[in-house]
Amino acid sequence: MKSIQVNIYAFKSSTEVYKKSFLVEKLPLPVKFSRMALLHAIKSKSTT
C-alpha cells in the first residue's frame, strides 16, 4: 500500500513541476509531447 502512495505522490509532484517549468516558457506543442513522454515514463517506471 505504501508503494502505491509513493507512486501517486511522485506522479503528482513531477507533473506539477513539469507544468510549471513549461508554463514559464510558454511552448504549448512541446509541452504536449514532453508531458506525454513524462507520463509514459512514469507509467512504465511504476509498472516494472
PDB file of N, CA and C in Angstrom:
ATOM      1  N   MET A   1       0.832  -1.205   0.000  1.00  0.00           N
ATOM      2  CA  MET A   1       0.000   0.000   0.000  1.00  0.00           C
ATOM      3  C   MET A   1       0.870   1.261   0.000  1.00  0.00           C
ATOM      4  N   LYS A   2       1.946   1.244   0.767  1.00  0.00           N
ATOM      5  CA  LYS A   2       2.829   2.411   0.830  1.00  0.00           C
ATOM      6  C   LYS A   2       3.432   2.733  -0.535  1.00  0.00           C
ATOM      7  N   SER A   3       3.861   1.706  -1.252  1.00  0.00           N
ATOM      8  CA  SER A   3       4.496   1.934  -2.555  1.00  0.00           C
ATOM      9  C   SER A   3       3.540   2.612  -3.534  1.00  0.00           C
ATOM     10  N   ILE A   4       2.253   2.268  -3.448  1.00  0.00           N
ATOM     11  CA  ILE A   4       1.249   2.897  -4.317  1.00  0.00           C
ATOM     12  C   ILE A   4       1.144   4.385  -3.991  1.00  0.00           C
ATOM     13  N   GLN A   5       1.101   4.708  -2.705  1.00  0.00           N
ATOM     14  CA  GLN A   5       1.018   6.112  -2.284  1.00  0.00           C
ATOM     15  C   GLN A   5       2.247   6.889  -2.745  1.00  0.00           C
ATOM     16  N   VAL A   6       3.407   6.281  -2.645  1.00  0.00           N
ATOM     17  CA  VAL A   6       4.654   6.922  -3.090  1.00  0.00           C
ATOM     18  C   VAL A   6       4.591   7.198  -4.585  1.00  0.00           C
ATOM     19  N   ASN A   7       4.122   6.217  -5.349  1.00  0.00           N
ATOM     20  CA  ASN A   7       3.999   6.393  -6.798  1.00  0.00           C
ATOM     21  C   ASN A   7       3.060   7.534  -7.143  1.00  0.00           C
ATOM     22  N   ILE A   8       1.919   7.610  -6.459  1.00  0.00           N
ATOM     23  CA  ILE A   8       0.947   8.678  -6.703  1.00  0.00           C
ATOM     24  C   ILE A   8       1.565  10.033  -6.370  1.00  0.00           C
ATOM     25  N   TYR A   9       2.274  10.101  -5.251  1.00  0.00           N
ATOM     26  CA  TYR A   9       2.905  11.358  -4.847  1.00  0.00           C
ATOM     27  C   TYR A   9       3.963  11.781  -5.866  1.00  0.00           C
ATOM     28  N   ALA A  10       4.804  10.852  -6.279  1.00  0.00           N
ATOM     29  CA  ALA A  10       5.855  11.135  -7.263  1.00  0.00           C
ATOM     30  C   ALA A  10       5.235  11.592  -8.575  1.00  0.00           C
ATOM     31  N   PHE A  11       4.152  10.926  -8.968  1.00  0.00           N
ATOM     32  CA  PHE A  11       3.442  11.277 -10.195  1.00  0.00           C
ATOM     33  C   PHE A  11       2.907  12.703 -10.122  1.00  0.00           C
ATOM     34  N   LYS A  12       2.243  13.032  -9.028  1.00  0.00           N
ATOM     35  CA  LYS A  12       1.658  14.365  -8.851  1.00  0.00           C
ATOM     36  C   LYS A  12       2.733  15.443  -8.837  1.00  0.00           C
ATOM     37  N   SER A  13       3.776  15.239  -8.040  1.00  0.00           N
ATOM     38  CA  SER A  13       4.803  16.270  -7.886  1.00  0.00           C
ATOM     39  C   SER A  13       5.560  16.493  -9.190  1.00  0.00           C
ATOM     40  N   SER A  14       5.901  15.422  -9.906  1.00  0.00           N
ATOM     41  CA  SER A  14       6.660  15.588 -11.145  1.00  0.00           C
ATOM     42  C   SER A  14       5.824  16.234 -12.240  1.00  0.00           C
ATOM     43  N   THR A  15       4.525  15.926 -12.302  1.00  0.00           N
ATOM     44  CA  THR A  15       3.688  16.578 -13.311  1.00  0.00           C
ATOM     45  C   THR A  15       3.514  18.054 -12.989  1.00  0.00           C
ATOM     46  N   GLU A  16       3.403  18.389 -11.702  1.00  0.00           N
ATOM     47  CA  GLU A  16       3.274  19.799 -11.304  1.00  0.00           C
ATOM     48  C   GLU A  16       4.532  20.576 -11.662  1.00  0.00           C
ATOM     49  N   VAL A  17       5.685  20.014 -11.355  1.00  0.00           N
ATOM     50  CA  VAL A  17       6.966  20.661 -11.683  1.00  0.00           C
ATOM     51  C   VAL A  17       7.070  20.855 -13.187  1.00  0.00           C
ATOM     52  N   TYR A  18       6.690  19.822 -13.929  1.00  0.00           N
ATOM     53  CA  TYR A  18       6.749  19.888 -15.389  1.00  0.00           C
ATOM     54  C   TYR A  18       5.844  20.982 -15.920  1.00  0.00           C
ATOM     55  N   LYS A  19       4.610  21.019 -15.425  1.00  0.00           N
ATOM     56  CA  LYS A  19       3.637  22.037 -15.852  1.00  0.00           C
ATOM     57  C   LYS A  19       4.190  23.436 -15.605  1.00  0.00           C
ATOM     58  N   LYS A  20       4.687  23.668 -14.387  1.00  0.00           N
ATOM     59  CA  LYS A  20       5.180  24.992 -14.015  1.00  0.00           C
ATOM     60  C   LYS A  20       6.370  25.396 -14.875  1.00  0.00           C
ATOM     61  N   SER A  21       7.312  24.497 -15.078  1.00  0.00           N
ATOM     62  CA  SER A  21       8.509  24.830 -15.846  1.00  0.00           C
ATOM     63  C   SER A  21       8.167  25.178 -17.290  1.00  0.00           C
ATOM     64  N   PHE A  22       7.145  24.542 -17.846  1.00  0.00           N
ATOM     65  CA  PHE A  22       6.774  24.828 -19.232  1.00  0.00           C
ATOM     66  C   PHE A  22       5.812  26.000 -19.360  1.00  0.00           C
ATOM     67  N   LEU A  23       5.028  26.261 -18.316  1.00  0.00           N
ATOM     68  CA  LEU A  23       4.167  27.441 -18.345  1.00  0.00           C
ATOM     69  C   LEU A  23       5.006  28.706 -18.447  1.00  0.00           C
ATOM     70  N   VAL A  24       6.170  28.700 -17.826  1.00  0.00           N
ATOM     71  CA  VAL A  24       7.080  29.846 -17.882  1.00  0.00           C
ATOM     72  C   VAL A  24       7.566  30.051 -19.314  1.00  0.00           C
ATOM     73  N   GLU A  25       7.915  28.965 -19.964  1.00  0.00           N
ATOM     74  CA  GLU A  25       8.458  29.062 -21.323  1.00  0.00           C
ATOM     75  C   GLU A  25       7.375  29.293 -22.377  1.00  0.00           C
ATOM     76  N   LYS A  26       6.144  28.888 -22.068  1.00  0.00           N
ATOM     77  CA  LYS A  26       5.008  29.025 -22.993  1.00  0.00           C
ATOM     78  C   LYS A  26       5.299  28.382 -24.351  1.00  0.00           C
ATOM     79  N   LEU A  27       5.484  27.071 -24.316  1.00  0.00           N
ATOM     80  CA  LEU A  27       5.686  26.315 -25.554  1.00  0.00           C
ATOM     81  C   LEU A  27       4.624  25.220 -25.618  1.00  0.00           C
ATOM     82  N   PRO A  28       3.408  25.565 -26.084  1.00  0.00           N
ATOM     83  CA  PRO A  28       2.281  24.640 -25.996  1.00  0.00           C
ATOM     84  C   PRO A  28       2.497  23.281 -26.657  1.00  0.00           C
ATOM     85  N   LEU A  29       3.016  23.274 -27.880  1.00  0.00           N
ATOM     86  CA  LEU A  29       3.175  21.993 -28.571  1.00  0.00           C
ATOM     87  C   LEU A  29       4.242  21.114 -27.907  1.00  0.00           C
ATOM     88  N   PRO A  30       5.449  21.642 -27.663  1.00  0.00           N
ATOM     89  CA  PRO A  30       6.445  20.835 -26.943  1.00  0.00           C
ATOM     90  C   PRO A  30       5.949  20.347 -25.586  1.00  0.00           C
ATOM     91  N   VAL A  31       5.125  21.150 -24.944  1.00  0.00           N
ATOM     92  CA  VAL A  31       4.586  20.741 -23.648  1.00  0.00           C
ATOM     93  C   VAL A  31       3.773  19.466 -23.790  1.00  0.00           C
ATOM     94  N   LYS A  32       2.927  19.437 -24.810  1.00  0.00           N
ATOM     95  CA  LYS A  32       2.086  18.251 -25.031  1.00  0.00           C
ATOM     96  C   LYS A  32       2.943  17.004 -25.196  1.00  0.00           C
ATOM     97  N   PHE A  33       3.949  17.088 -26.066  1.00  0.00           N
ATOM     98  CA  PHE A  33       4.803  15.930 -26.321  1.00  0.00           C
ATOM     99  C   PHE A  33       5.627  15.564 -25.091  1.00  0.00           C
ATOM    100  N   SER A  34       6.167  16.584 -24.427  1.00  0.00           N
ATOM    101  CA  SER A  34       7.005  16.338 -23.254  1.00  0.00           C
ATOM    102  C   SER A  34       6.196  15.714 -22.127  1.00  0.00           C
ATOM    103  N   ARG A  35       4.989  16.237 -21.920  1.00  0.00           N
ATOM    104  CA  ARG A  35       4.145  15.697 -20.855  1.00  0.00           C
ATOM    105  C   ARG A  35       3.734  14.269 -21.177  1.00  0.00           C
ATOM    106  N   MET A  36       3.449  13.989 -22.443  1.00  0.00           N
ATOM    107  CA  MET A  36       3.108  12.629 -22.843  1.00  0.00           C
ATOM    108  C   MET A  36       4.287  11.698 -22.581  1.00  0.00           C
ATOM    109  N   ALA A  37       5.483  12.162 -22.933  1.00  0.00           N
ATOM    110  CA  ALA A  37       6.689  11.365 -22.711  1.00  0.00           C
ATOM    111  C   ALA A  37       6.917  11.137 -21.220  1.00  0.00           C
ATOM    112  N   LEU A  38       6.701  12.192 -20.435  1.00  0.00           N
ATOM    113  CA  LEU A  38       6.876  12.093 -18.986  1.00  0.00           C
ATOM    114  C   LEU A  38       5.872  11.119 -18.387  1.00  0.00           C
ATOM    115  N   LEU A  39       4.613  11.251 -18.785  1.00  0.00           N
ATOM    116  CA  LEU A  39       3.568  10.361 -18.279  1.00  0.00           C
ATOM    117  C   LEU A  39       3.877   8.915 -18.642  1.00  0.00           C
ATOM    118  N   HIS A  40       4.347   8.702 -19.875  1.00  0.00           N
ATOM    119  CA  HIS A  40       4.694   7.357 -20.322  1.00  0.00           C
ATOM    120  C   HIS A  40       5.843   6.792 -19.489  1.00  0.00           C
ATOM    121  N   ALA A  41       6.841   7.649 -19.233  1.00  0.00           N
ATOM    122  CA  ALA A  41       7.995   7.221 -18.435  1.00  0.00           C
ATOM    123  C   ALA A  41       7.566   6.848 -17.018  1.00  0.00           C
ATOM    124  N   ILE A  42       6.698   7.659 -16.435  1.00  0.00           N
ATOM    125  CA  ILE A  42       6.217   7.396 -15.074  1.00  0.00           C
ATOM    126  C   ILE A  42       5.410   6.100 -15.039  1.00  0.00           C
ATOM    127  N   LYS A  43       4.548   5.918 -16.037  1.00  0.00           N
ATOM    128  CA  LYS A  43       3.719   4.709 -16.085  1.00  0.00           C
ATOM    129  C   LYS A  43       4.590   3.460 -16.198  1.00  0.00           C
ATOM    130  N   SER A  44       5.550   3.474 -17.135  1.00  0.00           N
ATOM    131  CA  SER A  44       6.405   2.306 -17.340  1.00  0.00           C
ATOM    132  C   SER A  44       7.297   2.070 -16.123  1.00  0.00           C
ATOM    133  N   LYS A  45       7.698   3.161 -15.465  1.00  0.00           N
ATOM    134  CA  LYS A  45       8.542   3.053 -14.276  1.00  0.00           C
ATOM    135  C   LYS A  45       7.772   2.403 -13.134  1.00  0.00           C
ATOM    136  N   SER A  46       6.525   2.820 -12.938  1.00  0.00           N
ATOM    137  CA  SER A  46       5.730   2.331 -11.813  1.00  0.00           C
ATOM    138  C   SER A  46       5.249   0.897 -12.031  1.00  0.00           C
ATOM    139  N   THR A  47       5.114   0.473 -13.290  1.00  0.00           N
ATOM    140  CA  THR A  47       4.630  -0.880 -13.554  1.00  0.00           C
ATOM    141  C   THR A  47       5.739  -1.907 -13.373  1.00  0.00           C
ATOM    142  N   THR A  48       6.978  -1.552 -13.683  1.00  0.00           N
ATOM    143  CA  THR A  48       8.089  -2.501 -13.561  1.00  0.00           C
ATOM    144  C   THR A  48       8.491  -2.691 -12.112  1.00  0.00           C
TER     145      THR A  48
END
